[in-house]
C-alpha atoms as a PDB file:
ATOM      1  CA  MET A   1      17.258 -49.006   9.915  1.00  0.00           C
ATOM      2  CA  ALA A   2      18.528 -49.872   6.394  1.00  0.00           C
ATOM      3  CA  ALA A   3      16.004 -49.972   3.582  1.00  0.00           C
ATOM      4  CA  HIS A   4      16.595 -53.637   2.972  1.00  0.00           C
ATOM      5  CA  GLN A   5      15.720 -54.400   6.601  1.00  0.00           C
ATOM      6  CA  ALA A   6      12.594 -52.328   6.273  1.00  0.00           C
ATOM      7  CA  LEU A   7      11.057 -54.063   3.281  1.00  0.00           C
ATOM      8  CA  PRO A   8       9.044 -56.711   5.058  1.00  0.00           C
ATOM      9  CA  SER A   9       8.264 -54.542   8.041  1.00  0.00           C
ATOM     10  CA  LEU A  10       6.821 -51.836   5.884  1.00  0.00           C
ATOM     11  CA  GLY A  11       4.506 -54.349   4.370  1.00  0.00           C
ATOM     12  CA  PHE A  12       5.937 -54.655   0.864  1.00  0.00           C
ATOM     13  CA  SER A  13       6.521 -58.352   0.938  1.00  0.00           C
ATOM     14  CA  SER A  14       7.038 -61.073   3.439  1.00  0.00           C
ATOM     15  CA  ASN A  15       7.845 -63.719   0.824  1.00  0.00           C
ATOM     16  CA  ARG A  16      11.185 -63.808  -0.811  1.00  0.00           C
ATOM     17  CA  SER A  17      10.214 -64.389  -4.391  1.00  0.00           C
ATOM     18  CA  PHE A  18      11.993 -62.746  -7.277  1.00  0.00           C
ATOM     19  CA  ARG A  19       8.695 -62.458  -9.180  1.00  0.00           C
ATOM     20  CA  VAL A  20       6.909 -59.251  -8.278  1.00  0.00           C
ATOM     21  CA  ASP A  21       3.484 -58.056  -9.407  1.00  0.00           C
ATOM     22  CA  THR A  22       4.455 -54.502 -10.188  1.00  0.00           C
ATOM     23  CA  VAL A  23       0.831 -53.287 -10.166  1.00  0.00           C
ATOM     24  CA  LYS A  24       0.353 -54.610  -6.585  1.00  0.00           C
ATOM     25  CA  LEU A  25       3.714 -53.210  -5.581  1.00  0.00           C
ATOM     26  CA  GLN A  26       2.869 -49.806  -6.801  1.00  0.00           C
ATOM     27  CA  HIS A  27      -0.586 -50.035  -5.089  1.00  0.00           C
ATOM     28  CA  ARG A  28       1.078 -50.992  -1.799  1.00  0.00           C
ATOM     29  CA  TYR A  29       3.634 -48.242  -2.175  1.00  0.00           C
ATOM     30  CA  GLN A  30       0.918 -45.665  -2.642  1.00  0.00           C
ATOM     31  CA  GLN A  31      -0.959 -47.037   0.430  1.00  0.00           C
ATOM     32  CA  LEU A  32       2.154 -46.820   2.576  1.00  0.00           C
ATOM     33  CA  GLN A  33       3.071 -43.300   1.356  1.00  0.00           C
ATOM     34  CA  ARG A  34      -0.484 -42.131   2.249  1.00  0.00           C
ATOM     35  CA  LEU A  35       0.334 -43.200   5.848  1.00  0.00           C
ATOM     36  CA  VAL A  36       3.787 -41.783   6.207  1.00  0.00           C
ATOM     37  CA  HIS A  37       4.343 -38.968   3.605  1.00  0.00           C
ATOM     38  CA  PRO A  38       5.642 -35.772   5.338  1.00  0.00           C
ATOM     39  CA  ASP A  39       2.911 -33.682   3.659  1.00  0.00           C
ATOM     40  CA  PHE A  40       0.412 -35.411   6.007  1.00  0.00           C
ATOM     41  CA  PHE A  41       2.516 -34.510   9.115  1.00  0.00           C
ATOM     42  CA  SER A  42       3.112 -30.735   8.576  1.00  0.00           C
ATOM     43  CA  GLN A  43       0.893 -29.737  11.536  1.00  0.00           C
ATOM     44  CA  ARG A  44       2.221 -32.553  13.864  1.00  0.00           C
ATOM     45  CA  SER A  45       4.926 -32.540  16.468  1.00  0.00           C
ATOM     46  CA  GLN A  46       8.554 -32.610  15.552  1.00  0.00           C
ATOM     47  CA  ASN A  47       8.890 -36.242  16.573  1.00  0.00           C
ATOM     48  CA  GLU A  48       5.982 -37.130  14.352  1.00  0.00           C
ATOM     49  CA  LYS A  49       7.546 -35.177  11.469  1.00  0.00           C
ATOM     50  CA  ASP A  50      10.850 -36.938  11.940  1.00  0.00           C
ATOM     51  CA  PHE A  51       9.099 -40.323  12.054  1.00  0.00           C
ATOM     52  CA  SER A  52       7.310 -39.490   8.832  1.00  0.00           C
ATOM     53  CA  GLU A  53      10.466 -38.261   7.059  1.00  0.00           C
ATOM     54  CA  LYS A  54      12.420 -41.425   8.068  1.00  0.00           C
ATOM     55  CA  HIS A  55       9.695 -43.820   7.100  1.00  0.00           C
ATOM     56  CA  SER A  56       8.793 -42.088   3.904  1.00  0.00           C
ATOM     57  CA  THR A  57      12.374 -42.312   2.871  1.00  0.00           C
ATOM     58  CA  LEU A  58      12.371 -46.017   3.828  1.00  0.00           C
ATOM     59  CA  VAL A  59       9.216 -46.669   1.780  1.00  0.00           C
ATOM     60  CA  ASN A  60      10.793 -44.921  -1.289  1.00  0.00           C
ATOM     61  CA  GLU A  61      14.000 -46.898  -1.025  1.00  0.00           C
ATOM     62  CA  ALA A  62      12.097 -50.162  -0.568  1.00  0.00           C
ATOM     63  CA  TYR A  63       9.873 -49.425  -3.517  1.00  0.00           C
ATOM     64  CA  LYS A  64      12.839 -48.675  -5.754  1.00  0.00           C
ATOM     65  CA  THR A  65      14.638 -51.768  -4.620  1.00  0.00           C
ATOM     66  CA  LEU A  66      11.741 -54.113  -5.349  1.00  0.00           C
ATOM     67  CA  LEU A  67      10.752 -52.434  -8.563  1.00  0.00           C
ATOM     68  CA  ALA A  68      13.960 -53.012 -10.523  1.00  0.00           C
ATOM     69  CA  PRO A  69      14.910 -56.643 -11.250  1.00  0.00           C
ATOM     70  CA  LEU A  70      18.660 -56.059 -10.627  1.00  0.00           C
ATOM     71  CA  SER A  71      18.294 -54.409  -7.250  1.00  0.00           C
ATOM     72  CA  ARG A  72      15.598 -56.819  -6.193  1.00  0.00           C
ATOM     73  CA  GLY A  73      17.798 -59.776  -7.105  1.00  0.00           C
ATOM     74  CA  LEU A  74      20.762 -58.347  -5.253  1.00  0.00           C
ATOM     75  CA  TYR A  75      18.588 -57.676  -2.245  1.00  0.00           C
ATOM     76  CA  LEU A  76      17.332 -61.281  -2.248  1.00  0.00           C
ATOM     77  CA  LEU A  77      20.934 -62.516  -2.417  1.00  0.00           C
ATOM     78  CA  LYS A  78      21.893 -60.190   0.397  1.00  0.00           C
ATOM     79  CA  LEU A  79      19.082 -61.654   2.601  1.00  0.00           C
ATOM     80  CA  ARG A  80      20.861 -64.973   2.142  1.00  0.00           C
ATOM     81  CA  GLY A  81      24.294 -63.557   3.030  1.00  0.00           C
ATOM     82  CA  ILE A  82      25.523 -63.385  -0.567  1.00  0.00           C
ATOM     83  CA  GLU A  83      26.948 -60.176  -1.912  1.00  0.00           C
ATOM     84  CA  ILE A  84      28.511 -59.174  -5.221  1.00  0.00           C
ATOM     85  CA  PRO A  85      30.963 -56.389  -4.537  1.00  0.00           C
ATOM     86  CA  GLU A  86      31.028 -53.463  -7.039  1.00  0.00           C
ATOM     87  CA  GLY A  87      33.578 -53.930  -9.782  1.00  0.00           C
ATOM     88  CA  THR A  88      33.578 -57.778  -9.441  1.00  0.00           C
ATOM     89  CA  ASP A  89      33.932 -59.665 -12.670  1.00  0.00           C
ATOM     90  CA  TYR A  90      32.674 -62.706 -10.825  1.00  0.00           C
ATOM     91  CA  GLU A  91      34.514 -65.134 -13.093  1.00  0.00           C
ATOM     92  CA  MET A  92      32.827 -63.925 -16.257  1.00  0.00           C
ATOM     93  CA  ASP A  93      33.585 -66.085 -19.202  1.00  0.00           C
ATOM     94  CA  SER A  94      35.545 -64.560 -22.008  1.00  0.00           C
ATOM     95  CA  GLN A  95      32.667 -64.892 -24.535  1.00  0.00           C
ATOM     96  CA  PHE A  96      30.375 -62.800 -22.356  1.00  0.00           C
ATOM     97  CA  LEU A  97      33.136 -60.179 -21.775  1.00  0.00           C
ATOM     98  CA  THR A  98      33.812 -60.041 -25.483  1.00  0.00           C
ATOM     99  CA  GLU A  99      29.999 -59.466 -26.088  1.00  0.00           C
ATOM    100  CA  ILE A 100      29.984 -56.615 -23.564  1.00  0.00           C
ATOM    101  CA  MET A 101      33.077 -55.092 -25.172  1.00  0.00           C
ATOM    102  CA  GLU A 102      31.514 -55.277 -28.687  1.00  0.00           C
ATOM    103  CA  ILE A 103      28.291 -53.584 -27.428  1.00  0.00           C
ATOM    104  CA  ASN A 104      30.382 -50.820 -25.670  1.00  0.00           C
ATOM    105  CA  GLU A 105      32.376 -50.305 -28.896  1.00  0.00           C
ATOM    106  CA  LYS A 106      29.098 -50.091 -30.944  1.00  0.00           C
ATOM    107  CA  LEU A 107      27.808 -47.496 -28.463  1.00  0.00           C
ATOM    108  CA  ALA A 108      31.012 -45.477 -28.671  1.00  0.00           C
ATOM    109  CA  GLU A 109      30.738 -45.407 -32.489  1.00  0.00           C
ATOM    110  CA  ALA A 110      26.964 -44.949 -32.657  1.00  0.00           C
ATOM    111  CA  GLN A 111      25.902 -41.917 -34.604  1.00  0.00           C
ATOM    112  CA  GLY A 112      22.277 -41.005 -34.787  1.00  0.00           C
ATOM    113  CA  GLU A 113      19.018 -42.197 -33.282  1.00  0.00           C
ATOM    114  CA  ILE A 114      18.645 -45.375 -35.364  1.00  0.00           C
ATOM    115  CA  ALA A 115      22.044 -46.763 -34.191  1.00  0.00           C
ATOM    116  CA  MET A 116      21.163 -45.846 -30.543  1.00  0.00           C
ATOM    117  CA  LYS A 117      17.797 -47.548 -30.754  1.00  0.00           C
ATOM    118  CA  GLU A 118      19.404 -50.739 -32.228  1.00  0.00           C
ATOM    119  CA  ILE A 119      21.750 -50.920 -29.278  1.00  0.00           C
ATOM    120  CA  GLU A 120      19.034 -50.148 -26.799  1.00  0.00           C
ATOM    121  CA  SER A 121      16.950 -52.910 -28.318  1.00  0.00           C
ATOM    122  CA  ILE A 122      19.834 -55.444 -27.964  1.00  0.00           C
ATOM    123  CA  VAL A 123      20.404 -54.400 -24.367  1.00  0.00           C
ATOM    124  CA  ARG A 124      16.716 -54.538 -23.474  1.00  0.00           C
ATOM    125  CA  ALA A 125      16.400 -57.999 -24.899  1.00  0.00           C
ATOM    126  CA  LYS A 126      19.456 -59.224 -22.994  1.00  0.00           C
ATOM    127  CA  GLN A 127      18.069 -57.722 -19.791  1.00  0.00           C
ATOM    128  CA  LYS A 128      14.714 -59.407 -20.377  1.00  0.00           C
ATOM    129  CA  GLU A 129      16.442 -62.791 -20.959  1.00  0.00           C
ATOM    130  CA  LEU A 130      18.677 -62.381 -17.953  1.00  0.00           C
ATOM    131  CA  THR A 131      15.633 -61.368 -15.755  1.00  0.00           C
ATOM    132  CA  ASP A 132      13.759 -64.469 -16.805  1.00  0.00           C
ATOM    133  CA  ASP A 133      16.832 -66.646 -16.091  1.00  0.00           C
ATOM    134  CA  VAL A 134      17.382 -65.041 -12.690  1.00  0.00           C
ATOM    135  CA  SER A 135      13.810 -65.653 -11.824  1.00  0.00           C
ATOM    136  CA  ARG A 136      14.183 -69.335 -12.647  1.00  0.00           C
ATOM    137  CA  ALA A 137      17.384 -69.465 -10.617  1.00  0.00           C
ATOM    138  CA  PHE A 138      15.694 -68.066  -7.553  1.00  0.00           C
ATOM    139  CA  GLU A 139      12.731 -70.463  -7.953  1.00  0.00           C
ATOM    140  CA  ARG A 140      15.147 -73.448  -7.911  1.00  0.00           C
ATOM    141  CA  ASP A 141      17.168 -71.874  -4.996  1.00  0.00           C
ATOM    142  CA  ASN A 142      20.244 -71.823  -7.210  1.00  0.00           C
ATOM    143  CA  PHE A 143      21.755 -68.716  -5.646  1.00  0.00           C
ATOM    144  CA  GLU A 144      25.223 -69.202  -7.260  1.00  0.00           C
ATOM    145  CA  LYS A 145      23.520 -69.107 -10.736  1.00  0.00           C
ATOM    146  CA  ALA A 146      21.485 -66.129  -9.664  1.00  0.00           C
ATOM    147  CA  LYS A 147      24.678 -64.413  -8.532  1.00  0.00           C
ATOM    148  CA  GLU A 148      26.309 -65.027 -11.840  1.00  0.00           C
ATOM    149  CA  LEU A 149      23.230 -63.775 -13.856  1.00  0.00           C
ATOM    150  CA  LEU A 150      22.880 -60.676 -11.654  1.00  0.00           C
ATOM    151  CA  THR A 151      26.556 -59.792 -12.304  1.00  0.00           C
ATOM    152  CA  LYS A 152      25.791 -60.005 -16.011  1.00  0.00           C
ATOM    153  CA  MET A 153      22.753 -57.847 -15.526  1.00  0.00           C
ATOM    154  CA  ARG A 154      24.941 -55.327 -13.819  1.00  0.00           C
ATOM    155  CA  TYR A 155      27.130 -55.102 -16.927  1.00  0.00           C
ATOM    156  CA  PHE A 156      24.062 -54.424 -19.078  1.00  0.00           C
ATOM    157  CA  SER A 157      22.740 -51.934 -16.554  1.00  0.00           C
ATOM    158  CA  ASN A 158      26.027 -50.022 -16.908  1.00  0.00           C
ATOM    159  CA  ILE A 159      25.556 -49.964 -20.656  1.00  0.00           C
ATOM    160  CA  GLU A 160      21.949 -48.620 -20.185  1.00  0.00           C
ATOM    161  CA  GLU A 161      23.443 -45.807 -18.102  1.00  0.00           C
ATOM    162  CA  LYS A 162      25.957 -45.079 -20.860  1.00  0.00           C
ATOM    163  CA  ILE A 163      23.150 -44.958 -23.421  1.00  0.00           C
ATOM    164  CA  LYS A 164      21.252 -42.542 -21.252  1.00  0.00           C
ATOM    165  CA  LEU A 165      24.264 -40.304 -20.914  1.00  0.00           C
ATOM    166  CA  LYS A 166      24.963 -40.341 -24.643  1.00  0.00           C
ATOM    167  CA  LYS A 167      21.409 -39.214 -25.285  1.00  0.00           C
ATOM    168  CA  ILE A 168      21.864 -36.150 -23.188  1.00  0.00           C
ATOM    169  CA  PRO A 169      22.692 -33.252 -25.510  1.00  0.00           C
ATOM    170  CA  LEU A 170      25.804 -31.259 -24.513  1.00  0.00           C
END
């Protein structure tokens, strides 16, 4: 069973809303892990241990999927039969692609903590704005708009990963 199929059956959410109360989500995650975590099955039969490991993994994957706005949005689109293949530019406008290119150039040239924090701040603000826009798109059942916005979020997520890598000392 794939993690995306397990989300409702594991009790994370039966509604398909993009908005998530992360405190409730974390609480539910902890409840479910108390039920299925392998540590609680160490003295049980092999079948029960296997069940525990499988379901603990599904709970972890479901939690990670629902916690992050990008993966949550992609999951919701997938439930509706809409996917964004990796590497897809999804008809991005040239202005947006230019913005991404400029941020990547700033990141490549960034020297020192102040420059990095400035770029992080820009990316964080863009992700917040896109997350709010994606939420509105889902509320209006505008899945094409959500798809476009999630593709943009993916670009910024890639920049966030580059920032993390640049911070790691060699």
